[in-house]
Amino acid sequence: MGPNSDTNIDDIKADILLNIIKRARPPIHDRHISCDEFINNIPRRLQGDAKKALKELIRGYVIRRKSSKKGYGKCSINHKKIGEILKIPQIREYTKKDPFLEKRIEDKFFKHVKE
């Protein structure tokens, strides 16, 4: 890993979170999806880094992991960290380009922050 590896991991983290936020029904709080779905849209050549980034997000409590009876993990976005997620520069920049997404994020996500 070179000197830009930290930036690369941070960009991958932002991509993972942005791909999940853009979903019609994003997994927040009590709604979980397979952890593998969090990294589905990342290119194959970056899958190893994406798994590391996902583990860092889980360790940082941005993404919550829940074990299931079938043996594979399920993940959801921690509703208490949504404000922190929306402050990430890459996500903020993308939402400013798409006003509809910005409005949907405010309506859906900030109801969890107020609780």
C-alpha atoms as a PDB file:
ATOM      1  CA  MET A   1       0.000   0.000   0.000  1.00  0.00           C
ATOM      2  CA  GLY A   2       1.345   3.367  -1.001  1.00  0.00           C
ATOM      3  CA  PRO A   3       1.141   6.808   0.555  1.00  0.00           C
ATOM      4  CA  ASN A   4      -2.359   7.380  -0.865  1.00  0.00           C
ATOM      5  CA  SER A   5      -3.810   4.228   0.690  1.00  0.00           C
ATOM      6  CA  ASP A   6      -5.595   6.143   3.491  1.00  0.00           C
ATOM      7  CA  THR A   7      -7.263   8.456   0.986  1.00  0.00           C
ATOM      8  CA  ASN A   8      -8.175   5.458  -1.132  1.00  0.00           C
ATOM      9  CA  ILE A   9      -9.822   3.702   1.848  1.00  0.00           C
ATOM     10  CA  ASP A  10     -11.662   6.916   2.777  1.00  0.00           C
ATOM     11  CA  ASP A  11     -12.952   7.231  -0.794  1.00  0.00           C
ATOM     12  CA  ILE A  12     -14.101   3.614  -0.742  1.00  0.00           C
ATOM     13  CA  LYS A  13     -15.877   4.184   2.584  1.00  0.00           C
ATOM     14  CA  ALA A  14     -17.677   7.169   1.066  1.00  0.00           C
ATOM     15  CA  ASP A  15     -18.625   5.106  -2.005  1.00  0.00           C
ATOM     16  CA  ILE A  16     -19.997   2.295   0.164  1.00  0.00           C
ATOM     17  CA  LEU A  17     -22.113   4.690   2.229  1.00  0.00           C
ATOM     18  CA  LEU A  18     -23.278   6.674  -0.804  1.00  0.00           C
ATOM     19  CA  ASN A  19     -24.390   3.525  -2.638  1.00  0.00           C
ATOM     20  CA  ILE A  20     -26.430   2.481   0.383  1.00  0.00           C
ATOM     21  CA  ILE A  21     -27.942   5.934   0.972  1.00  0.00           C
ATOM     22  CA  LYS A  22     -29.078   6.140  -2.663  1.00  0.00           C
ATOM     23  CA  ARG A  23     -31.240   3.007  -2.293  1.00  0.00           C
ATOM     24  CA  ALA A  24     -35.015   3.414  -2.300  1.00  0.00           C
ATOM     25  CA  ARG A  25     -35.259   1.700   1.102  1.00  0.00           C
ATOM     26  CA  PRO A  26     -31.854   2.037   2.743  1.00  0.00           C
ATOM     27  CA  PRO A  27     -31.065  -0.288   5.658  1.00  0.00           C
ATOM     28  CA  ILE A  28     -31.202   1.983   8.675  1.00  0.00           C
ATOM     29  CA  HIS A  29     -31.596   0.994  12.316  1.00  0.00           C
ATOM     30  CA  ASP A  30     -33.886  -2.079  12.329  1.00  0.00           C
ATOM     31  CA  ARG A  31     -33.745  -2.867   8.599  1.00  0.00           C
ATOM     32  CA  HIS A  32     -30.764  -5.067   7.702  1.00  0.00           C
ATOM     33  CA  ILE A  33     -29.306  -6.445   4.466  1.00  0.00           C
ATOM     34  CA  SER A  34     -26.434  -8.821   3.796  1.00  0.00           C
ATOM     35  CA  CYS A  35     -23.074  -7.175   4.486  1.00  0.00           C
ATOM     36  CA  ASP A  36     -21.930  -8.282   1.026  1.00  0.00           C
ATOM     37  CA  GLU A  37     -24.536  -6.000  -0.545  1.00  0.00           C
ATOM     38  CA  PHE A  38     -22.752  -2.997   0.966  1.00  0.00           C
ATOM     39  CA  ILE A  39     -19.767  -3.627  -1.311  1.00  0.00           C
ATOM     40  CA  ASN A  40     -21.566  -4.929  -4.428  1.00  0.00           C
ATOM     41  CA  ASN A  41     -21.128  -1.724  -6.472  1.00  0.00           C
ATOM     42  CA  ILE A  42     -17.388  -1.447  -5.825  1.00  0.00           C
ATOM     43  CA  PRO A  43     -15.204  -2.596  -8.766  1.00  0.00           C
ATOM     44  CA  ARG A  44     -13.704  -6.101  -8.476  1.00  0.00           C
ATOM     45  CA  ARG A  45     -10.135  -4.809  -8.344  1.00  0.00           C
ATOM     46  CA  LEU A  46     -11.009  -2.857  -5.177  1.00  0.00           C
ATOM     47  CA  GLN A  47     -13.017  -5.589  -3.422  1.00  0.00           C
ATOM     48  CA  GLY A  48     -10.190  -6.343  -0.956  1.00  0.00           C
ATOM     49  CA  ASP A  49      -9.920  -2.685   0.036  1.00  0.00           C
ATOM     50  CA  ALA A  50     -13.720  -2.459   0.172  1.00  0.00           C
ATOM     51  CA  LYS A  51     -13.877  -5.310   2.693  1.00  0.00           C
ATOM     52  CA  LYS A  52     -11.243  -3.549   4.815  1.00  0.00           C
ATOM     53  CA  ALA A  53     -13.200  -0.290   4.570  1.00  0.00           C
ATOM     54  CA  LEU A  54     -16.422  -2.080   5.582  1.00  0.00           C
ATOM     55  CA  LYS A  55     -14.656  -3.580   8.612  1.00  0.00           C
ATOM     56  CA  GLU A  56     -13.405  -0.110   9.599  1.00  0.00           C
ATOM     57  CA  LEU A  57     -16.940   1.286   9.282  1.00  0.00           C
ATOM     58  CA  ILE A  58     -18.225  -1.539  11.496  1.00  0.00           C
ATOM     59  CA  ARG A  59     -15.452  -0.921  14.057  1.00  0.00           C
ATOM     60  CA  GLY A  60     -16.301   2.794  14.024  1.00  0.00           C
ATOM     61  CA  TYR A  61     -19.988   1.966  14.714  1.00  0.00           C
ATOM     62  CA  VAL A  62     -21.075   3.728  11.505  1.00  0.00           C
ATOM     63  CA  ILE A  63     -22.434   0.402  10.280  1.00  0.00           C
ATOM     64  CA  ARG A  64     -23.974  -2.042  12.720  1.00  0.00           C
ATOM     65  CA  ARG A  65     -23.508  -5.763  12.212  1.00  0.00           C
ATOM     66  CA  LYS A  66     -25.996  -8.382  13.310  1.00  0.00           C
ATOM     67  CA  SER A  67     -25.438 -12.107  13.117  1.00  0.00           C
ATOM     68  CA  SER A  68     -28.197 -14.223  11.658  1.00  0.00           C
ATOM     69  CA  LYS A  69     -29.312 -17.787  12.274  1.00  0.00           C
ATOM     70  CA  LYS A  70     -28.071 -18.839   8.847  1.00  0.00           C
ATOM     71  CA  GLY A  71     -24.502 -17.928   9.718  1.00  0.00           C
ATOM     72  CA  TYR A  72     -23.830 -14.877   7.560  1.00  0.00           C
ATOM     73  CA  GLY A  73     -23.807 -11.335   8.853  1.00  0.00           C
ATOM     74  CA  LYS A  74     -26.355  -8.664   8.163  1.00  0.00           C
ATOM     75  CA  CYS A  75     -25.599  -4.967   8.350  1.00  0.00           C
ATOM     76  CA  SER A  76     -27.439  -1.673   8.685  1.00  0.00           C
ATOM     77  CA  ILE A  77     -26.476   1.966   8.979  1.00  0.00           C
ATOM     78  CA  ASN A  78     -26.326   3.180  12.570  1.00  0.00           C
ATOM     79  CA  HIS A  79     -29.132   5.743  12.812  1.00  0.00           C
ATOM     80  CA  LYS A  80     -27.189   7.715  15.415  1.00  0.00           C
ATOM     81  CA  LYS A  81     -24.316   8.318  12.958  1.00  0.00           C
ATOM     82  CA  ILE A  82     -26.352   9.665  10.019  1.00  0.00           C
ATOM     83  CA  GLY A  83     -25.389  13.260  10.743  1.00  0.00           C
ATOM     84  CA  GLU A  84     -21.726  12.238  10.712  1.00  0.00           C
ATOM     85  CA  ILE A  85     -22.203  10.329   7.433  1.00  0.00           C
ATOM     86  CA  LEU A  86     -23.804  13.321   5.729  1.00  0.00           C
ATOM     87  CA  LYS A  87     -20.812  15.503   6.689  1.00  0.00           C
ATOM     88  CA  ILE A  88     -18.428  13.362   4.600  1.00  0.00           C
ATOM     89  CA  PRO A  89     -17.257  15.669   1.768  1.00  0.00           C
ATOM     90  CA  GLN A  90     -17.861  13.182  -1.070  1.00  0.00           C
ATOM     91  CA  ILE A  91     -21.430  12.532   0.081  1.00  0.00           C
ATOM     92  CA  ARG A  92     -22.145  16.221   0.669  1.00  0.00           C
ATOM     93  CA  GLU A  93     -20.824  17.055  -2.822  1.00  0.00           C
ATOM     94  CA  TYR A  94     -22.969  14.365  -4.464  1.00  0.00           C
ATOM     95  CA  THR A  95     -26.154  15.399  -2.651  1.00  0.00           C
ATOM     96  CA  LYS A  96     -25.693  19.033  -3.703  1.00  0.00           C
ATOM     97  CA  LYS A  97     -25.686  17.912  -7.347  1.00  0.00           C
ATOM     98  CA  ASP A  98     -28.971  16.031  -6.884  1.00  0.00           C
ATOM     99  CA  PRO A  99     -31.546  18.186  -5.018  1.00  0.00           C
ATOM    100  CA  PHE A 100     -34.140  15.378  -5.040  1.00  0.00           C
ATOM    101  CA  LEU A 101     -31.733  13.053  -3.230  1.00  0.00           C
ATOM    102  CA  GLU A 102     -30.869  15.796  -0.750  1.00  0.00           C
ATOM    103  CA  LYS A 103     -34.560  16.318   0.061  1.00  0.00           C
ATOM    104  CA  ARG A 104     -35.158  12.572   0.402  1.00  0.00           C
ATOM    105  CA  ILE A 105     -32.163  12.245   2.713  1.00  0.00           C
ATOM    106  CA  GLU A 106     -33.444  15.043   4.934  1.00  0.00           C
ATOM    107  CA  ASP A 107     -36.953  13.569   5.074  1.00  0.00           C
ATOM    108  CA  LYS A 108     -35.946   9.954   5.667  1.00  0.00           C
ATOM    109  CA  PHE A 109     -32.738  10.187   7.626  1.00  0.00           C
ATOM    110  CA  PHE A 110     -33.222  13.125   9.915  1.00  0.00           C
ATOM    111  CA  LYS A 111     -36.366  11.635  11.405  1.00  0.00           C
ATOM    112  CA  HIS A 112     -34.011   9.026  12.921  1.00  0.00           C
ATOM    113  CA  VAL A 113     -31.588  11.679  14.175  1.00  0.00           C
ATOM    114  CA  LYS A 114     -34.343  13.509  16.082  1.00  0.00           C
ATOM    115  CA  GLU A 115     -35.294  10.390  18.041  1.00  0.00           C
END
